[in-house]
Amino acid sequence: MHPLIMAKAWTQLAALAAGSLAAAALALTADAAVSRAADMQRASCPLVVPARDAELQPLRLHPSQVPRKNARGCLSPADATYAADGCPQRLCGRNAGVIQLPPP
């Protein structure tokens, strides 16, 4: 291969790698921001789960969403009922939202 063509190919490869690194750094920064926002949101409401399971705390809702969410009921045992301020009030419980299937 001609040296000029080879140099151009290496330059393009280096630019692609630099772009990939920049994109990866941007993605990590965005992930960290989302994680911090979720942590702040969880911290603003009292825990309804044990402190060791804080990452399982249901997210806070906008207060305008609470009546609709509570009217739908529990969709799973990990779901919660919500207070008027949008904070989860209590977990639904072990049997909530569980559909019994017929035996095989």
PDB file of N, CA and C in Angstrom:
ATOM      1  N   MET A   1       0.858  -1.170   0.000  1.00  0.00           N
ATOM      2  CA  MET A   1       0.000   0.000   0.000  1.00  0.00           C
ATOM      3  C   MET A   1       0.904   1.233   0.000  1.00  0.00           C
ATOM      4  N   HIS A   2       0.480   2.245  -0.718  1.00  0.00           N
ATOM      5  CA  HIS A   2       1.241   3.492  -0.810  1.00  0.00           C
ATOM      6  C   HIS A   2       1.276   4.160   0.566  1.00  0.00           C
ATOM      7  N   PRO A   3       2.435   4.708   0.976  1.00  0.00           N
ATOM      8  CA  PRO A   3       2.562   5.306   2.308  1.00  0.00           C
ATOM      9  C   PRO A   3       1.565   6.436   2.571  1.00  0.00           C
ATOM     10  N   LEU A   4       1.221   7.224   1.550  1.00  0.00           N
ATOM     11  CA  LEU A   4       0.276   8.328   1.733  1.00  0.00           C
ATOM     12  C   LEU A   4      -1.123   7.794   2.043  1.00  0.00           C
ATOM     13  N   ILE A   5      -1.508   6.737   1.338  1.00  0.00           N
ATOM     14  CA  ILE A   5      -2.818   6.115   1.589  1.00  0.00           C
ATOM     15  C   ILE A   5      -2.833   5.489   2.990  1.00  0.00           C
ATOM     16  N   MET A   6      -1.709   4.856   3.361  1.00  0.00           N
ATOM     17  CA  MET A   6      -1.619   4.226   4.671  1.00  0.00           C
ATOM     18  C   MET A   6      -1.715   5.286   5.781  1.00  0.00           C
ATOM     19  N   ALA A   7      -1.062   6.428   5.589  1.00  0.00           N
ATOM     20  CA  ALA A   7      -1.109   7.500   6.587  1.00  0.00           C
ATOM     21  C   ALA A   7      -2.529   8.035   6.731  1.00  0.00           C
ATOM     22  N   LYS A   8      -3.228   8.175   5.601  1.00  0.00           N
ATOM     23  CA  LYS A   8      -4.607   8.663   5.655  1.00  0.00           C
ATOM     24  C   LYS A   8      -5.503   7.666   6.404  1.00  0.00           C
ATOM     25  N   ALA A   9      -5.296   6.374   6.151  1.00  0.00           N
ATOM     26  CA  ALA A   9      -6.090   5.356   6.830  1.00  0.00           C
ATOM     27  C   ALA A   9      -5.846   5.399   8.333  1.00  0.00           C
ATOM     28  N   TRP A  10      -4.588   5.553   8.741  1.00  0.00           N
ATOM     29  CA  TRP A  10      -4.279   5.636  10.170  1.00  0.00           C
ATOM     30  C   TRP A  10      -4.885   6.884  10.790  1.00  0.00           C
ATOM     31  N   THR A  11      -4.876   7.984  10.044  1.00  0.00           N
ATOM     32  CA  THR A  11      -5.461   9.228  10.542  1.00  0.00           C
ATOM     33  C   THR A  11      -6.964   9.056  10.754  1.00  0.00           C
ATOM     34  N   GLN A  12      -7.629   8.417   9.796  1.00  0.00           N
ATOM     35  CA  GLN A  12      -9.063   8.173   9.926  1.00  0.00           C
ATOM     36  C   GLN A  12      -9.359   7.237  11.098  1.00  0.00           C
ATOM     37  N   LEU A  13      -8.532   6.221  11.269  1.00  0.00           N
ATOM     38  CA  LEU A  13      -8.713   5.293  12.368  1.00  0.00           C
ATOM     39  C   LEU A  13      -8.527   6.001  13.710  1.00  0.00           C
ATOM     40  N   ALA A  14      -7.518   6.867  13.796  1.00  0.00           N
ATOM     41  CA  ALA A  14      -7.273   7.615  15.032  1.00  0.00           C
ATOM     42  C   ALA A  14      -8.441   8.552  15.332  1.00  0.00           C
ATOM     43  N   ALA A  15      -8.976   9.195  14.287  1.00  0.00           N
ATOM     44  CA  ALA A  15     -10.122  10.095  14.480  1.00  0.00           C
ATOM     45  C   ALA A  15     -11.342   9.307  14.941  1.00  0.00           C
ATOM     46  N   LEU A  16     -11.550   8.144  14.362  1.00  0.00           N
ATOM     47  CA  LEU A  16     -12.672   7.293  14.763  1.00  0.00           C
ATOM     48  C   LEU A  16     -12.521   6.858  16.221  1.00  0.00           C
ATOM     49  N   ALA A  17     -11.314   6.455  16.593  1.00  0.00           N
ATOM     50  CA  ALA A  17     -11.076   6.042  17.978  1.00  0.00           C
ATOM     51  C   ALA A  17     -11.286   7.211  18.932  1.00  0.00           C
ATOM     52  N   ALA A  18     -10.819   8.389  18.562  1.00  0.00           N
ATOM     53  CA  ALA A  18     -11.004   9.567  19.419  1.00  0.00           C
ATOM     54  C   ALA A  18     -12.486   9.881  19.557  1.00  0.00           C
ATOM     55  N   GLY A  19     -13.231   9.764  18.467  1.00  0.00           N
ATOM     56  CA  GLY A  19     -14.674   9.989  18.522  1.00  0.00           C
ATOM     57  C   GLY A  19     -15.362   8.973  19.405  1.00  0.00           C
ATOM     58  N   SER A  20     -14.927   7.719  19.333  1.00  0.00           N
ATOM     59  CA  SER A  20     -15.502   6.674  20.168  1.00  0.00           C
ATOM     60  C   SER A  20     -15.219   6.933  21.636  1.00  0.00           C
ATOM     61  N   LEU A  21     -14.003   7.381  21.918  1.00  0.00           N
ATOM     62  CA  LEU A  21     -13.655   7.693  23.305  1.00  0.00           C
ATOM     63  C   LEU A  21     -14.488   8.858  23.818  1.00  0.00           C
ATOM     64  N   ALA A  22     -14.657   9.870  22.969  1.00  0.00           N
ATOM     65  CA  ALA A  22     -15.458  11.020  23.377  1.00  0.00           C
ATOM     66  C   ALA A  22     -16.909  10.596  23.604  1.00  0.00           C
ATOM     67  N   ALA A  23     -17.427   9.752  22.721  1.00  0.00           N
ATOM     68  CA  ALA A  23     -18.805   9.279  22.879  1.00  0.00           C
ATOM     69  C   ALA A  23     -18.938   8.437  24.143  1.00  0.00           C
ATOM     70  N   ALA A  24     -17.945   7.602  24.423  1.00  0.00           N
ATOM     71  CA  ALA A  24     -17.985   6.782  25.627  1.00  0.00           C
ATOM     72  C   ALA A  24     -17.938   7.658  26.878  1.00  0.00           C
ATOM     73  N   ALA A  25     -17.083   8.677  26.853  1.00  0.00           N
ATOM     74  CA  ALA A  25     -16.989   9.594  28.001  1.00  0.00           C
ATOM     75  C   ALA A  25     -18.306  10.333  28.196  1.00  0.00           C
ATOM     76  N   LEU A  26     -18.918  10.756  27.097  1.00  0.00           N
ATOM     77  CA  LEU A  26     -20.199  11.456  27.183  1.00  0.00           C
ATOM     78  C   LEU A  26     -21.280  10.531  27.745  1.00  0.00           C
ATOM     79  N   ALA A  27     -21.289   9.293  27.300  1.00  0.00           N
ATOM     80  CA  ALA A  27     -22.280   8.327  27.794  1.00  0.00           C
ATOM     81  C   ALA A  27     -22.088   8.075  29.289  1.00  0.00           C
ATOM     82  N   LEU A  28     -20.831   7.937  29.725  1.00  0.00           N
ATOM     83  CA  LEU A  28     -20.575   7.729  31.151  1.00  0.00           C
ATOM     84  C   LEU A  28     -21.017   8.932  31.971  1.00  0.00           C
ATOM     85  N   THR A  29     -20.768  10.127  31.449  1.00  0.00           N
ATOM     86  CA  THR A  29     -21.180  11.347  32.136  1.00  0.00           C
ATOM     87  C   THR A  29     -22.699  11.400  32.245  1.00  0.00           C
ATOM     88  N   ALA A  30     -23.398  11.056  31.165  1.00  0.00           N
ATOM     89  CA  ALA A  30     -24.863  11.068  31.175  1.00  0.00           C
ATOM     90  C   ALA A  30     -25.395  10.019  32.144  1.00  0.00           C
ATOM     91  N   ASP A  31     -24.792   8.821  32.156  1.00  0.00           N
ATOM     92  CA  ASP A  31     -25.224   7.778  33.089  1.00  0.00           C
ATOM     93  C   ASP A  31     -25.043   8.228  34.536  1.00  0.00           C
ATOM     94  N   ALA A  32     -23.921   8.874  34.806  1.00  0.00           N
ATOM     95  CA  ALA A  32     -23.663   9.351  36.166  1.00  0.00           C
ATOM     96  C   ALA A  32     -24.678  10.413  36.569  1.00  0.00           C
ATOM     97  N   ALA A  33     -25.036  11.298  35.629  1.00  0.00           N
ATOM     98  CA  ALA A  33     -26.012  12.343  35.937  1.00  0.00           C
ATOM     99  C   ALA A  33     -27.382  11.740  36.222  1.00  0.00           C
ATOM    100  N   VAL A  34     -27.781  10.756  35.442  1.00  0.00           N
ATOM    101  CA  VAL A  34     -29.072  10.096  35.660  1.00  0.00           C
ATOM    102  C   VAL A  34     -29.063   9.383  37.009  1.00  0.00           C
ATOM    103  N   SER A  35     -27.957   8.713  37.326  1.00  0.00           N
ATOM    104  CA  SER A  35     -27.846   8.008  38.601  1.00  0.00           C
ATOM    105  C   SER A  35     -27.914   8.987  39.762  1.00  0.00           C
ATOM    106  N   ARG A  36     -27.222  10.125  39.653  1.00  0.00           N
ATOM    107  CA  ARG A  36     -27.265  11.130  40.727  1.00  0.00           C
ATOM    108  C   ARG A  36     -28.672  11.685  40.884  1.00  0.00           C
ATOM    109  N   ALA A  37     -29.362  11.932  39.758  1.00  0.00           N
ATOM    110  CA  ALA A  37     -30.728  12.461  39.829  1.00  0.00           C
ATOM    111  C   ALA A  37     -31.653  11.457  40.507  1.00  0.00           C
ATOM    112  N   ALA A  38     -31.506  10.177  40.172  1.00  0.00           N
ATOM    113  CA  ALA A  38     -32.339   9.145  40.804  1.00  0.00           C
ATOM    114  C   ALA A  38     -32.026   9.051  42.294  1.00  0.00           C
ATOM    115  N   ASP A  39     -30.734   9.132  42.647  1.00  0.00           N
ATOM    116  CA  ASP A  39     -30.360   9.090  44.062  1.00  0.00           C
ATOM    117  C   ASP A  39     -30.954  10.269  44.819  1.00  0.00           C
ATOM    118  N   MET A  40     -30.901  11.464  44.220  1.00  0.00           N
ATOM    119  CA  MET A  40     -31.460  12.646  44.874  1.00  0.00           C
ATOM    120  C   MET A  40     -32.968  12.495  45.033  1.00  0.00           C
ATOM    121  N   GLN A  41     -33.628  11.946  44.008  1.00  0.00           N
ATOM    122  CA  GLN A  41     -35.068  11.773  44.074  1.00  0.00           C
ATOM    123  C   GLN A  41     -35.431  10.769  45.166  1.00  0.00           C
ATOM    124  N   ARG A  42     -34.689   9.674  45.251  1.00  0.00           N
ATOM    125  CA  ARG A  42     -34.956   8.686  46.281  1.00  0.00           C
ATOM    126  C   ARG A  42     -34.713   9.275  47.668  1.00  0.00           C
ATOM    127  N   ALA A  43     -33.662  10.088  47.792  1.00  0.00           N
ATOM    128  CA  ALA A  43     -33.302  10.644  49.094  1.00  0.00           C
ATOM    129  C   ALA A  43     -34.332  11.660  49.582  1.00  0.00           C
ATOM    130  N   SER A  44     -35.110  12.231  48.676  1.00  0.00           N
ATOM    131  CA  SER A  44     -36.052  13.259  49.084  1.00  0.00           C
ATOM    132  C   SER A  44     -37.315  12.680  49.722  1.00  0.00           C
ATOM    133  N   CYS A  45     -37.524  11.386  49.637  1.00  0.00           N
ATOM    134  CA  CYS A  45     -38.682  10.724  50.237  1.00  0.00           C
ATOM    135  C   CYS A  45     -38.200   9.767  51.322  1.00  0.00           C
ATOM    136  N   PRO A  46     -39.019   9.556  52.349  1.00  0.00           N
ATOM    137  CA  PRO A  46     -38.644   8.555  53.349  1.00  0.00           C
ATOM    138  C   PRO A  46     -38.583   7.164  52.713  1.00  0.00           C
ATOM    139  N   LEU A  47     -37.652   6.353  53.177  1.00  0.00           N
ATOM    140  CA  LEU A  47     -37.521   4.996  52.638  1.00  0.00           C
ATOM    141  C   LEU A  47     -38.707   4.134  53.052  1.00  0.00           C
ATOM    142  N   VAL A  48     -39.215   3.363  52.099  1.00  0.00           N
ATOM    143  CA  VAL A  48     -40.253   2.374  52.396  1.00  0.00           C
ATOM    144  C   VAL A  48     -39.666   0.967  52.291  1.00  0.00           C
ATOM    145  N   VAL A  49     -38.372   0.905  52.005  1.00  0.00           N
ATOM    146  CA  VAL A  49     -37.633  -0.356  51.942  1.00  0.00           C
ATOM    147  C   VAL A  49     -36.529  -0.288  52.992  1.00  0.00           C
ATOM    148  N   PRO A  50     -35.964  -1.418  53.394  1.00  0.00           N
ATOM    149  CA  PRO A  50     -34.844  -1.370  54.333  1.00  0.00           C
ATOM    150  C   PRO A  50     -33.679  -0.566  53.741  1.00  0.00           C
ATOM    151  N   ALA A  51     -32.933   0.106  54.582  1.00  0.00           N
ATOM    152  CA  ALA A  51     -31.821   0.955  54.125  1.00  0.00           C
ATOM    153  C   ALA A  51     -30.832   0.176  53.265  1.00  0.00           C
ATOM    154  N   ARG A  52     -30.618  -1.101  53.555  1.00  0.00           N
ATOM    155  CA  ARG A  52     -29.675  -1.899  52.752  1.00  0.00           C
ATOM    156  C   ARG A  52     -30.190  -2.113  51.334  1.00  0.00           C
ATOM    157  N   ASP A  53     -31.498  -1.927  51.112  1.00  0.00           N
ATOM    158  CA  ASP A  53     -32.111  -2.103  49.790  1.00  0.00           C
ATOM    159  C   ASP A  53     -32.549  -0.766  49.185  1.00  0.00           C
ATOM    160  N   ALA A  54     -31.884   0.304  49.541  1.00  0.00           N
ATOM    161  CA  ALA A  54     -32.306   1.647  49.117  1.00  0.00           C
ATOM    162  C   ALA A  54     -32.408   1.782  47.602  1.00  0.00           C
ATOM    163  N   GLU A  55     -31.607   1.028  46.852  1.00  0.00           N
ATOM    164  CA  GLU A  55     -31.685   1.124  45.389  1.00  0.00           C
ATOM    165  C   GLU A  55     -33.003   0.561  44.850  1.00  0.00           C
ATOM    166  N   LEU A  56     -33.745  -0.156  45.683  1.00  0.00           N
ATOM    167  CA  LEU A  56     -35.044  -0.703  45.281  1.00  0.00           C
ATOM    168  C   LEU A  56     -36.211   0.213  45.659  1.00  0.00           C
ATOM    169  N   GLN A  57     -35.902   1.353  46.262  1.00  0.00           N
ATOM    170  CA  GLN A  57     -36.931   2.324  46.647  1.00  0.00           C
ATOM    171  C   GLN A  57     -37.710   2.754  45.402  1.00  0.00           C
ATOM    172  N   PRO A  58     -39.037   2.665  45.431  1.00  0.00           N
ATOM    173  CA  PRO A  58     -39.820   3.154  44.292  1.00  0.00           C
ATOM    174  C   PRO A  58     -39.564   4.651  44.070  1.00  0.00           C
ATOM    175  N   LEU A  59     -39.565   5.051  42.821  1.00  0.00           N
ATOM    176  CA  LEU A  59     -39.292   6.444  42.487  1.00  0.00           C
ATOM    177  C   LEU A  59     -40.444   7.350  42.895  1.00  0.00           C
ATOM    178  N   ARG A  60     -40.119   8.590  43.105  1.00  0.00           N
ATOM    179  CA  ARG A  60     -41.121   9.596  43.433  1.00  0.00           C
ATOM    180  C   ARG A  60     -41.885   9.957  42.163  1.00  0.00           C
ATOM    181  N   LEU A  61     -43.169  10.154  42.297  1.00  0.00           N
ATOM    182  CA  LEU A  61     -44.011  10.572  41.174  1.00  0.00           C
ATOM    183  C   LEU A  61     -44.287  12.065  41.279  1.00  0.00           C
ATOM    184  N   HIS A  62     -44.658  12.643  40.161  1.00  0.00           N
ATOM    185  CA  HIS A  62     -45.149  14.018  40.194  1.00  0.00           C
ATOM    186  C   HIS A  62     -46.505  13.964  40.903  1.00  0.00           C
ATOM    187  N   PRO A  63     -46.791  14.903  41.795  1.00  0.00           N
ATOM    188  CA  PRO A  63     -48.053  14.851  42.539  1.00  0.00           C
ATOM    189  C   PRO A  63     -49.294  14.710  41.662  1.00  0.00           C
ATOM    190  N   SER A  64     -49.258  15.234  40.451  1.00  0.00           N
ATOM    191  CA  SER A  64     -50.428  15.115  39.571  1.00  0.00           C
ATOM    192  C   SER A  64     -50.639  13.680  39.082  1.00  0.00           C
ATOM    193  N   GLN A  65     -49.619  12.831  39.168  1.00  0.00           N
ATOM    194  CA  GLN A  65     -49.724  11.436  38.713  1.00  0.00           C
ATOM    195  C   GLN A  65     -50.262  10.498  39.802  1.00  0.00           C
ATOM    196  N   VAL A  66     -50.250  10.956  41.045  1.00  0.00           N
ATOM    197  CA  VAL A  66     -50.597  10.081  42.177  1.00  0.00           C
ATOM    198  C   VAL A  66     -52.013   9.521  42.102  1.00  0.00           C
ATOM    199  N   PRO A  67     -53.057  10.325  41.858  1.00  0.00           N
ATOM    200  CA  PRO A  67     -54.414   9.741  41.837  1.00  0.00           C
ATOM    201  C   PRO A  67     -54.573   8.624  40.810  1.00  0.00           C
ATOM    202  N   ARG A  68     -54.017   8.815  39.603  1.00  0.00           N
ATOM    203  CA  ARG A  68     -54.124   7.766  38.573  1.00  0.00           C
ATOM    204  C   ARG A  68     -53.359   6.519  38.979  1.00  0.00           C
ATOM    205  N   LYS A  69     -52.149   6.709  39.515  1.00  0.00           N
ATOM    206  CA  LYS A  69     -51.328   5.556  39.905  1.00  0.00           C
ATOM    207  C   LYS A  69     -52.012   4.771  41.016  1.00  0.00           C
ATOM    208  N   ASN A  70     -52.486   5.466  42.038  1.00  0.00           N
ATOM    209  CA  ASN A  70     -53.137   4.755  43.140  1.00  0.00           C
ATOM    210  C   ASN A  70     -54.441   4.102  42.691  1.00  0.00           C
ATOM    211  N   ALA A  71     -55.143   4.689  41.738  1.00  0.00           N
ATOM    212  CA  ALA A  71     -56.387   4.103  41.237  1.00  0.00           C
ATOM    213  C   ALA A  71     -56.127   2.801  40.476  1.00  0.00           C
ATOM    214  N   ARG A  72     -54.981   2.687  39.829  1.00  0.00           N
ATOM    215  CA  ARG A  72     -54.639   1.460  39.097  1.00  0.00           C
ATOM    216  C   ARG A  72     -54.329   0.312  40.038  1.00  0.00           C
ATOM    217  N   GLY A  73     -53.973   0.620  41.261  1.00  0.00           N
ATOM    218  CA  GLY A  73     -53.634  -0.433  42.218  1.00  0.00           C
ATOM    219  C   GLY A  73     -52.212  -0.921  42.047  1.00  0.00           C
ATOM    220  N   CYS A  74     -51.940  -2.021  42.661  1.00  0.00           N
ATOM    221  CA  CYS A  74     -50.595  -2.588  42.661  1.00  0.00           C
ATOM    222  C   CYS A  74     -50.385  -3.468  41.436  1.00  0.00           C
ATOM    223  N   LEU A  75     -49.287  -3.248  40.765  1.00  0.00           N
ATOM    224  CA  LEU A  75     -48.975  -4.034  39.572  1.00  0.00           C
ATOM    225  C   LEU A  75     -47.990  -5.160  39.871  1.00  0.00           C
ATOM    226  N   SER A  76     -47.309  -5.061  41.012  1.00  0.00           N
ATOM    227  CA  SER A  76     -46.366  -6.098  41.421  1.00  0.00           C
ATOM    228  C   SER A  76     -46.114  -5.959  42.918  1.00  0.00           C
ATOM    229  N   PRO A  77     -45.510  -6.962  43.533  1.00  0.00           N
ATOM    230  CA  PRO A  77     -45.196  -6.852  44.958  1.00  0.00           C
ATOM    231  C   PRO A  77     -44.233  -5.694  45.267  1.00  0.00           C
ATOM    232  N   ALA A  78     -43.406  -5.312  44.315  1.00  0.00           N
ATOM    233  CA  ALA A  78     -42.445  -4.225  44.525  1.00  0.00           C
ATOM    234  C   ALA A  78     -43.051  -2.849  44.256  1.00  0.00           C
ATOM    235  N   ASP A  79     -44.290  -2.811  43.813  1.00  0.00           N
ATOM    236  CA  ASP A  79     -44.978  -1.549  43.547  1.00  0.00           C
ATOM    237  C   ASP A  79     -45.341  -0.906  44.882  1.00  0.00           C
ATOM    238  N   ALA A  80     -45.801   0.329  44.824  1.00  0.00           N
ATOM    239  CA  ALA A  80     -46.135   1.043  46.057  1.00  0.00           C
ATOM    240  C   ALA A  80     -47.409   1.845  45.875  1.00  0.00           C
ATOM    241  N   THR A  81     -48.002   2.204  46.991  1.00  0.00           N
ATOM    242  CA  THR A  81     -49.049   3.221  46.989  1.00  0.00           C
ATOM    243  C   THR A  81     -48.351   4.532  47.341  1.00  0.00           C
ATOM    244  N   TYR A  82     -48.923   5.633  46.878  1.00  0.00           N
ATOM    245  CA  TYR A  82     -48.239   6.919  46.967  1.00  0.00           C
ATOM    246  C   TYR A  82     -49.026   7.933  47.773  1.00  0.00           C
ATOM    247  N   ALA A  83     -48.288   8.790  48.481  1.00  0.00           N
ATOM    248  CA  ALA A  83     -48.879   9.913  49.208  1.00  0.00           C
ATOM    249  C   ALA A  83     -49.119  11.064  48.230  1.00  0.00           C
ATOM    250  N   ALA A  84     -49.890  12.043  48.647  1.00  0.00           N
ATOM    251  CA  ALA A  84     -50.243  13.164  47.776  1.00  0.00           C
ATOM    252  C   ALA A  84     -49.026  13.931  47.271  1.00  0.00           C
ATOM    253  N   ASP A  85     -47.910  13.917  48.021  1.00  0.00           N
ATOM    254  CA  ASP A  85     -46.711  14.649  47.578  1.00  0.00           C
ATOM    255  C   ASP A  85     -45.895  13.882  46.549  1.00  0.00           C
ATOM    256  N   GLY A  86     -46.319  12.657  46.205  1.00  0.00           N
ATOM    257  CA  GLY A  86     -45.630  11.859  45.196  1.00  0.00           C
ATOM    258  C   GLY A  86     -44.646  10.860  45.765  1.00  0.00           C
ATOM    259  N   CYS A  87     -44.447  10.880  47.074  1.00  0.00           N
ATOM    260  CA  CYS A  87     -43.541   9.912  47.709  1.00  0.00           C
ATOM    261  C   CYS A  87     -44.247   8.571  47.877  1.00  0.00           C
ATOM    262  N   PRO A  88     -43.508   7.469  47.681  1.00  0.00           N
ATOM    263  CA  PRO A  88     -44.112   6.171  47.965  1.00  0.00           C
ATOM    264  C   PRO A  88     -44.435   6.089  49.453  1.00  0.00           C
ATOM    265  N   GLN A  89     -45.634   5.610  49.758  1.00  0.00           N
ATOM    266  CA  GLN A  89     -46.099   5.556  51.141  1.00  0.00           C
ATOM    267  C   GLN A  89     -45.817   4.195  51.775  1.00  0.00           C
ATOM    268  N   ARG A  90     -46.102   3.134  51.012  1.00  0.00           N
ATOM    269  CA  ARG A  90     -45.803   1.790  51.483  1.00  0.00           C
ATOM    270  C   ARG A  90     -45.775   0.846  50.286  1.00  0.00           C
ATOM    271  N   LEU A  91     -44.977  -0.203  50.416  1.00  0.00           N
ATOM    272  CA  LEU A  91     -44.922  -1.210  49.357  1.00  0.00           C
ATOM    273  C   LEU A  91     -46.237  -1.972  49.328  1.00  0.00           C
ATOM    274  N   CYS A  92     -46.592  -2.467  48.164  1.00  0.00           N
ATOM    275  CA  CYS A  92     -47.864  -3.171  48.016  1.00  0.00           C
ATOM    276  C   CYS A  92     -47.893  -4.496  48.765  1.00  0.00           C
ATOM    277  N   GLY A  93     -46.803  -5.199  48.801  1.00  0.00           N
ATOM    278  CA  GLY A  93     -46.778  -6.439  49.564  1.00  0.00           C
ATOM    279  C   GLY A  93     -46.582  -7.668  48.718  1.00  0.00           C
ATOM    280  N   ARG A  94     -46.393  -8.733  49.415  1.00  0.00           N
ATOM    281  CA  ARG A  94     -45.987 -10.000  48.817  1.00  0.00           C
ATOM    282  C   ARG A  94     -46.949 -10.548  47.761  1.00  0.00           C
ATOM    283  N   ASN A  95     -48.241 -10.439  47.966  1.00  0.00           N
ATOM    284  CA  ASN A  95     -49.202 -11.040  47.039  1.00  0.00           C
ATOM    285  C   ASN A  95     -49.832 -10.042  46.074  1.00  0.00           C
ATOM    286  N   ALA A  96     -49.473  -8.785  46.174  1.00  0.00           N
ATOM    287  CA  ALA A  96     -50.080  -7.760  45.322  1.00  0.00           C
ATOM    288  C   ALA A  96     -49.629  -7.887  43.874  1.00  0.00           C
ATOM    289  N   GLY A  97     -50.579  -7.808  42.984  1.00  0.00           N
ATOM    290  CA  GLY A  97     -50.267  -7.845  41.568  1.00  0.00           C
ATOM    291  C   GLY A  97     -49.819  -9.202  41.055  1.00  0.00           C
ATOM    292  N   VAL A  98     -49.977 -10.231  41.867  1.00  0.00           N
ATOM    293  CA  VAL A  98     -49.562 -11.570  41.481  1.00  0.00           C
ATOM    294  C   VAL A  98     -50.767 -12.322  40.935  1.00  0.00           C
ATOM    295  N   ILE A  99     -50.619 -12.847  39.743  1.00  0.00           N
ATOM    296  CA  ILE A  99     -51.699 -13.599  39.108  1.00  0.00           C
ATOM    297  C   ILE A  99     -51.423 -15.075  39.292  1.00  0.00           C
ATOM    298  N   GLN A 100     -52.348 -15.789  39.889  1.00  0.00           N
ATOM    299  CA  GLN A 100     -52.201 -17.232  40.077  1.00  0.00           C
ATOM    300  C   GLN A 100     -52.462 -17.944  38.748  1.00  0.00           C
ATOM    301  N   LEU A 101     -51.509 -18.702  38.319  1.00  0.00           N
ATOM    302  CA  LEU A 101     -51.653 -19.485  37.100  1.00  0.00           C
ATOM    303  C   LEU A 101     -52.170 -20.877  37.454  1.00  0.00           C
ATOM    304  N   PRO A 102     -52.937 -21.460  36.550  1.00  0.00           N
ATOM    305  CA  PRO A 102     -53.407 -22.837  36.824  1.00  0.00           C
ATOM    306  C   PRO A 102     -52.231 -23.805  36.846  1.00  0.00           C
ATOM    307  N   PRO A 103     -52.343 -24.866  37.617  1.00  0.00           N
ATOM    308  CA  PRO A 103     -51.238 -25.855  37.649  1.00  0.00           C
ATOM    309  C   PRO A 103     -51.046 -26.473  36.269  1.00  0.00           C
ATOM    310  N   PRO A 104     -49.826 -26.890  35.986  1.00  0.00           N
ATOM    311  CA  PRO A 104     -49.547 -27.472  34.650  1.00  0.00           C
ATOM    312  C   PRO A 104     -50.235 -28.798  34.432  1.00  0.00           C
TER     313      PRO A 104
END
